[in-house]
N, C-alpha and C. Protein backbone atom coordinates (compact mmCIF):
# COMPACT_ATOMS: atom_id res chain seq x y z
N MET A 1 -90.68 14.95 -7.99
CA MET A 1 -89.43 16.03 -7.03
C MET A 1 -88.29 16.71 -8.00
N GLY A 2 -88.03 17.64 -8.30
CA GLY A 2 -87.51 18.03 -9.48
C GLY A 2 -85.92 17.72 -8.86
N TYR A 3 -85.18 17.49 -9.96
CA TYR A 3 -83.64 17.48 -9.57
C TYR A 3 -82.77 18.42 -8.51
N PHE A 4 -83.21 19.49 -8.43
CA PHE A 4 -82.74 20.84 -7.80
C PHE A 4 -83.19 20.69 -6.31
N ALA A 5 -84.37 20.38 -6.48
CA ALA A 5 -84.90 19.99 -4.78
C ALA A 5 -84.28 19.04 -4.76
N TRP A 6 -84.07 17.78 -5.36
CA TRP A 6 -83.38 16.66 -4.51
C TRP A 6 -82.00 16.97 -3.92
N VAL A 7 -81.73 17.82 -4.73
CA VAL A 7 -80.22 18.14 -4.57
C VAL A 7 -80.30 18.87 -3.29
N ASN A 8 -80.86 19.71 -3.22
CA ASN A 8 -80.99 20.64 -2.09
C ASN A 8 -80.85 19.47 -1.17
N LYS A 9 -81.83 18.40 -0.99
CA LYS A 9 -82.44 17.89 0.43
C LYS A 9 -80.96 16.88 0.73
N ASN A 10 -80.63 16.60 0.01
CA ASN A 10 -79.46 15.59 0.19
C ASN A 10 -77.77 16.79 0.43
N ILE A 11 -77.51 17.74 -0.11
CA ILE A 11 -76.10 18.14 -0.10
C ILE A 11 -76.66 18.47 2.16
N LYS A 12 -77.68 18.44 2.21
CA LYS A 12 -77.52 18.62 3.85
C LYS A 12 -76.92 17.77 4.53
N LYS A 13 -76.59 16.33 3.90
CA LYS A 13 -76.74 15.32 4.84
C LYS A 13 -74.64 15.08 4.54
N LEU A 14 -73.79 16.08 3.80
CA LEU A 14 -72.47 16.12 3.76
C LEU A 14 -71.77 16.55 4.80
N GLY A 15 -70.99 15.81 5.28
CA GLY A 15 -69.95 16.52 6.43
C GLY A 15 -68.96 17.78 6.04
N VAL A 16 -68.25 17.84 6.93
CA VAL A 16 -67.20 18.96 6.36
C VAL A 16 -66.43 18.34 5.53
N TRP A 17 -65.94 16.87 5.91
CA TRP A 17 -65.06 16.60 4.68
C TRP A 17 -65.23 16.30 3.40
N ASP A 18 -66.71 16.32 3.10
CA ASP A 18 -67.35 15.69 1.80
C ASP A 18 -67.26 16.71 1.04
N VAL A 19 -67.08 18.19 1.34
CA VAL A 19 -66.88 19.17 0.46
C VAL A 19 -65.47 19.28 -0.29
N PRO A 20 -64.46 19.55 0.53
CA PRO A 20 -63.07 19.27 0.40
C PRO A 20 -62.55 18.32 -1.00
N PHE A 21 -63.22 16.68 -0.66
CA PHE A 21 -63.21 15.80 -1.58
C PHE A 21 -63.46 15.84 -2.71
N PHE A 22 -65.11 16.44 -2.48
CA PHE A 22 -65.44 16.70 -3.63
C PHE A 22 -64.59 17.21 -4.71
N LYS A 23 -64.31 18.41 -4.24
CA LYS A 23 -63.38 19.77 -4.87
C LYS A 23 -62.07 19.17 -5.44
N ILE A 24 -61.36 18.24 -4.70
CA ILE A 24 -60.54 17.59 -5.25
C ILE A 24 -60.66 16.53 -6.40
N SER A 25 -61.66 15.83 -6.24
CA SER A 25 -62.13 15.00 -7.44
C SER A 25 -62.43 15.62 -8.69
N LEU A 26 -62.95 17.05 -8.27
CA LEU A 26 -63.07 18.05 -9.45
C LEU A 26 -61.66 18.10 -10.25
N ILE A 27 -61.29 18.46 -9.12
CA ILE A 27 -59.75 19.07 -10.06
C ILE A 27 -59.00 17.70 -11.15
N ALA A 28 -58.94 16.56 -10.10
CA ALA A 28 -58.17 15.45 -10.45
C ALA A 28 -59.15 15.15 -12.15
N PHE A 29 -60.49 15.33 -12.10
CA PHE A 29 -61.49 15.06 -13.16
C PHE A 29 -60.69 15.91 -14.27
N GLY A 30 -60.74 16.94 -14.31
CA GLY A 30 -60.05 18.11 -14.88
C GLY A 30 -59.09 17.97 -15.22
N LEU A 31 -57.67 17.31 -14.86
CA LEU A 31 -56.65 17.47 -15.01
C LEU A 31 -56.55 15.56 -15.79
N MET A 32 -57.82 14.92 -15.78
CA MET A 32 -57.42 13.58 -16.35
C MET A 32 -57.95 14.03 -17.78
N VAL A 33 -59.20 14.99 -18.19
CA VAL A 33 -59.43 15.24 -19.18
C VAL A 33 -58.76 15.80 -19.91
N ALA A 34 -57.57 16.97 -19.36
CA ALA A 34 -56.43 17.74 -20.25
C ALA A 34 -55.24 16.96 -20.29
N LYS A 35 -55.22 15.35 -19.77
CA LYS A 35 -53.90 14.44 -20.19
C LYS A 35 -54.77 13.85 -21.68
N LEU A 36 -56.19 13.72 -21.50
CA LEU A 36 -56.65 12.52 -22.44
C LEU A 36 -57.04 13.29 -23.63
N TRP A 37 -57.13 14.60 -23.28
CA TRP A 37 -57.35 15.64 -24.47
C TRP A 37 -56.60 16.82 -25.17
N GLU A 38 -55.26 16.42 -25.18
CA GLU A 38 -54.30 17.15 -25.20
C GLU A 38 -54.51 18.52 -25.75
N PRO A 39 -55.99 19.15 -27.24
CA PRO A 39 -55.84 20.23 -27.78
C PRO A 39 -56.61 20.94 -26.95
N ILE A 40 -57.68 20.89 -26.41
CA ILE A 40 -57.59 21.52 -24.49
C ILE A 40 -56.67 22.41 -24.29
N LEU A 41 -55.72 21.78 -23.96
CA LEU A 41 -54.52 22.82 -23.36
C LEU A 41 -53.71 23.69 -24.11
N MET A 42 -54.63 23.91 -25.67
CA MET A 42 -53.69 24.18 -26.47
C MET A 42 -54.40 25.77 -26.44
N LEU A 43 -55.74 26.13 -25.76
CA LEU A 43 -56.03 27.65 -25.42
C LEU A 43 -55.11 28.25 -24.88
N ASP A 44 -55.24 29.66 -25.23
CA ASP A 44 -54.96 31.12 -25.01
C ASP A 44 -55.00 31.25 -23.46
N TRP A 45 -54.16 31.67 -22.63
CA TRP A 45 -54.14 31.61 -21.22
C TRP A 45 -55.72 32.20 -20.67
N TYR A 46 -56.11 33.42 -21.76
CA TYR A 46 -57.04 34.27 -21.54
C TYR A 46 -58.30 33.68 -21.52
N TRP A 47 -58.33 32.24 -22.45
CA TRP A 47 -59.64 31.50 -22.39
C TRP A 47 -59.93 31.31 -20.83
N TYR A 48 -58.98 30.67 -20.48
CA TYR A 48 -59.38 29.68 -19.18
C TYR A 48 -59.46 31.07 -18.11
N LEU A 49 -59.10 32.11 -18.34
CA LEU A 49 -59.47 33.21 -17.25
C LEU A 49 -60.74 33.36 -17.25
N ILE A 50 -61.69 33.51 -18.69
CA ILE A 50 -62.53 33.83 -18.79
C ILE A 50 -63.67 32.72 -18.23
N ILE A 51 -63.30 31.22 -18.53
CA ILE A 51 -63.96 30.59 -18.14
C ILE A 51 -64.24 30.53 -16.25
N PHE A 52 -62.65 30.65 -15.92
CA PHE A 52 -63.26 30.85 -14.43
C PHE A 52 -63.71 31.88 -13.98
N VAL A 53 -63.44 33.44 -14.73
CA VAL A 53 -64.80 34.32 -14.14
C VAL A 53 -65.83 34.17 -14.30
N VAL A 54 -66.88 33.31 -15.56
CA VAL A 54 -67.77 33.19 -15.95
C VAL A 54 -68.35 32.47 -14.67
N THR A 55 -67.54 31.24 -14.12
CA THR A 55 -68.16 30.03 -13.53
C THR A 55 -68.11 30.67 -12.13
N ALA A 56 -67.39 31.24 -11.75
CA ALA A 56 -66.89 32.10 -10.24
C ALA A 56 -68.06 33.21 -9.76
N VAL A 57 -68.60 33.45 -10.69
CA VAL A 57 -69.40 34.38 -10.41
C VAL A 57 -70.69 34.12 -9.96
N LYS A 58 -71.41 33.25 -9.78
CA LYS A 58 -72.67 32.74 -9.68
C LYS A 58 -72.22 32.23 -8.20
N PRO A 59 -71.00 31.67 -7.11
CA PRO A 59 -70.80 30.96 -6.00
C PRO A 59 -70.53 32.28 -5.65
N VAL A 60 -69.29 33.62 -6.53
CA VAL A 60 -69.16 34.35 -5.23
C VAL A 60 -71.14 35.33 -4.82
N MET A 61 -71.39 36.43 -5.82
CA MET A 61 -72.45 36.50 -5.91
C MET A 61 -73.32 35.92 -4.57
N SER A 62 -73.64 34.82 -4.13
CA SER A 62 -74.50 33.66 -3.17
C SER A 62 -74.09 34.30 -2.35
N MET A 63 -72.27 33.93 -2.17
CA MET A 63 -71.68 34.36 -0.98
C MET A 63 -71.91 35.55 -0.19
N PHE A 64 -71.73 36.68 -1.07
CA PHE A 64 -71.71 37.84 -0.45
C PHE A 64 -73.79 38.61 -0.19
N LYS A 65 -74.18 37.43 -0.58
CA LYS A 65 -75.68 38.05 -0.40
C LYS A 65 -76.44 38.53 0.86
């Protein structure tokens, strides 16, 4: 069984509260990385916008299919 098949099989077990908690944990991890590795915060604002747009394209496309 491949990784994606395993994830798709197990993601169905998640409850209503699991997804928001997962999102919060990812935000907390990102803040921890920013706190521990300060040079990442020295990027110009538009780099964060580019990263946001690039990573948001796939979920938004999937949502509107």
